[in-house]
Amino acid sequence: MRFAIPANDRRLRELVARLDDDELPMAETWRRVGEAGSRLGLLRPGYHVVRCLVQQQRLLRRIAKARVREAWTAFANLAAAGRFREAEEALELLGEALHHRHELVLQQHKPP
């Protein structure tokens, strides 16, 4: 079995982003990525390459979730206090955080 697909290959990064699940071990993501890549005609990536990409992906997801959680908390606190103008601003920040969450995932798939 040949391991030759480079870590900066956009297709590999996209497969990792789509197939990774925080609940499963990284080895399972590696197996899923390898199988999906084989169906696409790609060479199977090395475990260490997929492991690094999975770590990056999981970190980005944690950061994005934290930002969304902080924005929701700010909005809820301001709305509960009756500070609706500030709550409206917090709601805009929430929208930006949600958009940024998607951007974080997409940004890592751009070639260096």
C-alpha atoms as a PDB file:
ATOM      1  CA  MET A   1       0.000   0.000   0.000  1.00  0.00           C
ATOM      2  CA  ARG A   2       1.468   3.375  -1.022  1.00  0.00           C
ATOM      3  CA  PHE A   3       1.207   6.450   1.195  1.00  0.00           C
ATOM      4  CA  ALA A   4       1.878   9.475  -0.961  1.00  0.00           C
ATOM      5  CA  ILE A   5      -0.766  12.198  -0.812  1.00  0.00           C
ATOM      6  CA  PRO A   6       0.752  15.382   0.656  1.00  0.00           C
ATOM      7  CA  ALA A   7      -0.766  17.184   3.651  1.00  0.00           C
ATOM      8  CA  ASN A   8      -1.307  20.387   1.684  1.00  0.00           C
ATOM      9  CA  ASP A   9      -3.513  18.671  -0.903  1.00  0.00           C
ATOM     10  CA  ARG A  10      -6.864  20.475  -0.830  1.00  0.00           C
ATOM     11  CA  ARG A  11      -8.781  17.240  -1.419  1.00  0.00           C
ATOM     12  CA  LEU A  12      -7.194  15.597   1.616  1.00  0.00           C
ATOM     13  CA  ARG A  13      -8.006  18.580   3.836  1.00  0.00           C
ATOM     14  CA  GLU A  14     -11.600  18.560   2.634  1.00  0.00           C
ATOM     15  CA  LEU A  15     -11.958  14.844   3.307  1.00  0.00           C
ATOM     16  CA  VAL A  16     -10.603  15.282   6.842  1.00  0.00           C
ATOM     17  CA  ALA A  17     -12.954  18.204   7.512  1.00  0.00           C
ATOM     18  CA  ARG A  18     -15.973  16.258   6.298  1.00  0.00           C
ATOM     19  CA  LEU A  19     -15.199  12.851   7.748  1.00  0.00           C
ATOM     20  CA  ASP A  20     -13.722  13.714  11.142  1.00  0.00           C
ATOM     21  CA  ASP A  21     -15.900  13.266  14.196  1.00  0.00           C
ATOM     22  CA  ASP A  22     -14.738  14.485  17.619  1.00  0.00           C
ATOM     23  CA  GLU A  23     -16.334  11.427  19.195  1.00  0.00           C
ATOM     24  CA  LEU A  24     -14.200   8.979  17.253  1.00  0.00           C
ATOM     25  CA  PRO A  25     -10.486   8.196  17.478  1.00  0.00           C
ATOM     26  CA  MET A  26      -8.173   9.805  14.939  1.00  0.00           C
ATOM     27  CA  ALA A  27      -7.359   6.358  13.569  1.00  0.00           C
ATOM     28  CA  GLU A  28     -10.997   5.978  12.510  1.00  0.00           C
ATOM     29  CA  THR A  29     -10.815   9.295  10.648  1.00  0.00           C
ATOM     30  CA  TRP A  30      -7.631   8.050   8.956  1.00  0.00           C
ATOM     31  CA  ARG A  31      -9.432   4.874   7.859  1.00  0.00           C
ATOM     32  CA  ARG A  32     -12.439   6.850   6.587  1.00  0.00           C
ATOM     33  CA  VAL A  33     -10.245   9.324   4.714  1.00  0.00           C
ATOM     34  CA  GLY A  34      -8.201   6.501   3.199  1.00  0.00           C
ATOM     35  CA  GLU A  35     -11.294   4.654   1.981  1.00  0.00           C
ATOM     36  CA  ALA A  36     -12.954   7.784   0.596  1.00  0.00           C
ATOM     37  CA  GLY A  37      -9.718   8.861  -1.049  1.00  0.00           C
ATOM     38  CA  SER A  38      -9.319   5.447  -2.670  1.00  0.00           C
ATOM     39  CA  ARG A  39     -12.790   5.769  -4.181  1.00  0.00           C
ATOM     40  CA  LEU A  40     -11.688   9.132  -5.625  1.00  0.00           C
ATOM     41  CA  GLY A  41      -8.509   7.634  -7.034  1.00  0.00           C
ATOM     42  CA  LEU A  42      -6.183   9.231  -4.466  1.00  0.00           C
ATOM     43  CA  LEU A  43      -3.297   7.457  -2.831  1.00  0.00           C
ATOM     44  CA  ARG A  44      -3.876   6.651   0.824  1.00  0.00           C
ATOM     45  CA  PRO A  45      -2.451   9.337   3.138  1.00  0.00           C
ATOM     46  CA  GLY A  46      -0.039   8.449   5.918  1.00  0.00           C
ATOM     47  CA  TYR A  47      -1.462   8.222   9.413  1.00  0.00           C
ATOM     48  CA  HIS A  48       0.772  11.008  10.738  1.00  0.00           C
ATOM     49  CA  VAL A  49      -0.453  13.383   8.005  1.00  0.00           C
ATOM     50  CA  VAL A  50      -4.107  12.738   8.779  1.00  0.00           C
ATOM     51  CA  ARG A  51      -3.454  12.966  12.516  1.00  0.00           C
ATOM     52  CA  CYS A  52      -1.971  16.468  12.136  1.00  0.00           C
ATOM     53  CA  LEU A  53      -4.881  17.579   9.958  1.00  0.00           C
ATOM     54  CA  VAL A  54      -7.406  16.153  12.417  1.00  0.00           C
ATOM     55  CA  GLN A  55      -5.741  18.005  15.293  1.00  0.00           C
ATOM     56  CA  GLN A  56      -5.954  21.265  13.330  1.00  0.00           C
ATOM     57  CA  GLN A  57      -9.570  20.642  12.395  1.00  0.00           C
ATOM     58  CA  ARG A  58     -10.614  19.856  15.956  1.00  0.00           C
ATOM     59  CA  LEU A  59      -8.844  22.929  17.299  1.00  0.00           C
ATOM     60  CA  LEU A  60     -10.571  25.159  14.754  1.00  0.00           C
ATOM     61  CA  ARG A  61     -13.944  23.668  15.667  1.00  0.00           C
ATOM     62  CA  ARG A  62     -13.323  24.220  19.399  1.00  0.00           C
ATOM     63  CA  ILE A  63     -12.333  27.855  18.807  1.00  0.00           C
ATOM     64  CA  ALA A  64     -15.361  28.481  16.610  1.00  0.00           C
ATOM     65  CA  LYS A  65     -17.750  26.872  19.113  1.00  0.00           C
ATOM     66  CA  ALA A  66     -16.282  28.950  21.946  1.00  0.00           C
ATOM     67  CA  ARG A  67     -16.797  32.182  19.990  1.00  0.00           C
ATOM     68  CA  VAL A  68     -20.390  31.311  19.202  1.00  0.00           C
ATOM     69  CA  ARG A  69     -21.032  30.353  22.838  1.00  0.00           C
ATOM     70  CA  GLU A  70     -19.556  33.665  24.064  1.00  0.00           C
ATOM     71  CA  ALA A  71     -21.674  35.642  21.606  1.00  0.00           C
ATOM     72  CA  TRP A  72     -24.867  33.798  22.655  1.00  0.00           C
ATOM     73  CA  THR A  73     -24.078  34.425  26.311  1.00  0.00           C
ATOM     74  CA  ALA A  74     -23.499  38.139  25.731  1.00  0.00           C
ATOM     75  CA  PHE A  75     -26.746  38.433  23.800  1.00  0.00           C
ATOM     76  CA  ALA A  76     -28.766  36.548  26.411  1.00  0.00           C
ATOM     77  CA  ASN A  77     -27.350  38.575  29.292  1.00  0.00           C
ATOM     78  CA  LEU A  78     -28.013  41.896  27.598  1.00  0.00           C
ATOM     79  CA  ALA A  79     -31.516  40.928  26.498  1.00  0.00           C
ATOM     80  CA  ALA A  80     -32.370  39.662  29.976  1.00  0.00           C
ATOM     81  CA  ALA A  81     -31.197  42.963  31.447  1.00  0.00           C
ATOM     82  CA  GLY A  82     -33.431  44.899  29.059  1.00  0.00           C
ATOM     83  CA  ARG A  83     -30.490  46.470  27.269  1.00  0.00           C
ATOM     84  CA  PHE A  84     -31.969  45.912  23.827  1.00  0.00           C
ATOM     85  CA  ARG A  85     -29.764  48.283  21.823  1.00  0.00           C
ATOM     86  CA  GLU A  86     -26.669  46.528  23.159  1.00  0.00           C
ATOM     87  CA  ALA A  87     -28.388  43.169  22.710  1.00  0.00           C
ATOM     88  CA  GLU A  88     -28.917  44.025  19.058  1.00  0.00           C
ATOM     89  CA  GLU A  89     -25.188  44.707  18.727  1.00  0.00           C
ATOM     90  CA  ALA A  90     -24.466  41.426  20.504  1.00  0.00           C
ATOM     91  CA  LEU A  91     -26.771  39.691  18.046  1.00  0.00           C
ATOM     92  CA  GLU A  92     -24.727  41.138  15.187  1.00  0.00           C
ATOM     93  CA  LEU A  93     -21.592  39.785  16.878  1.00  0.00           C
ATOM     94  CA  LEU A  94     -23.278  36.412  17.095  1.00  0.00           C
ATOM     95  CA  GLY A  95     -23.956  36.493  13.373  1.00  0.00           C
ATOM     96  CA  GLU A  96     -20.318  37.332  12.747  1.00  0.00           C
ATOM     97  CA  ALA A  97     -19.200  34.506  15.041  1.00  0.00           C
ATOM     98  CA  LEU A  98     -21.413  32.028  13.216  1.00  0.00           C
ATOM     99  CA  HIS A  99     -20.072  33.230   9.880  1.00  0.00           C
ATOM    100  CA  HIS A 100     -16.511  33.098  11.195  1.00  0.00           C
ATOM    101  CA  ARG A 101     -17.042  29.521  12.363  1.00  0.00           C
ATOM    102  CA  HIS A 102     -17.690  28.512   8.769  1.00  0.00           C
ATOM    103  CA  GLU A 103     -14.823  30.669   7.505  1.00  0.00           C
ATOM    104  CA  LEU A 104     -12.356  28.999   9.887  1.00  0.00           C
ATOM    105  CA  VAL A 105     -13.148  25.645   8.410  1.00  0.00           C
ATOM    106  CA  LEU A 106     -12.985  26.896   4.834  1.00  0.00           C
ATOM    107  CA  GLN A 107      -9.774  28.905   5.297  1.00  0.00           C
ATOM    108  CA  GLN A 108      -7.697  25.885   6.188  1.00  0.00           C
ATOM    109  CA  HIS A 109      -8.583  24.295   2.863  1.00  0.00           C
ATOM    110  CA  LYS A 110      -6.926  27.022   0.817  1.00  0.00           C
ATOM    111  CA  PRO A 111      -3.583  25.992  -0.564  1.00  0.00           C
ATOM    112  CA  PRO A 112      -0.586  27.644   1.133  1.00  0.00           C
END
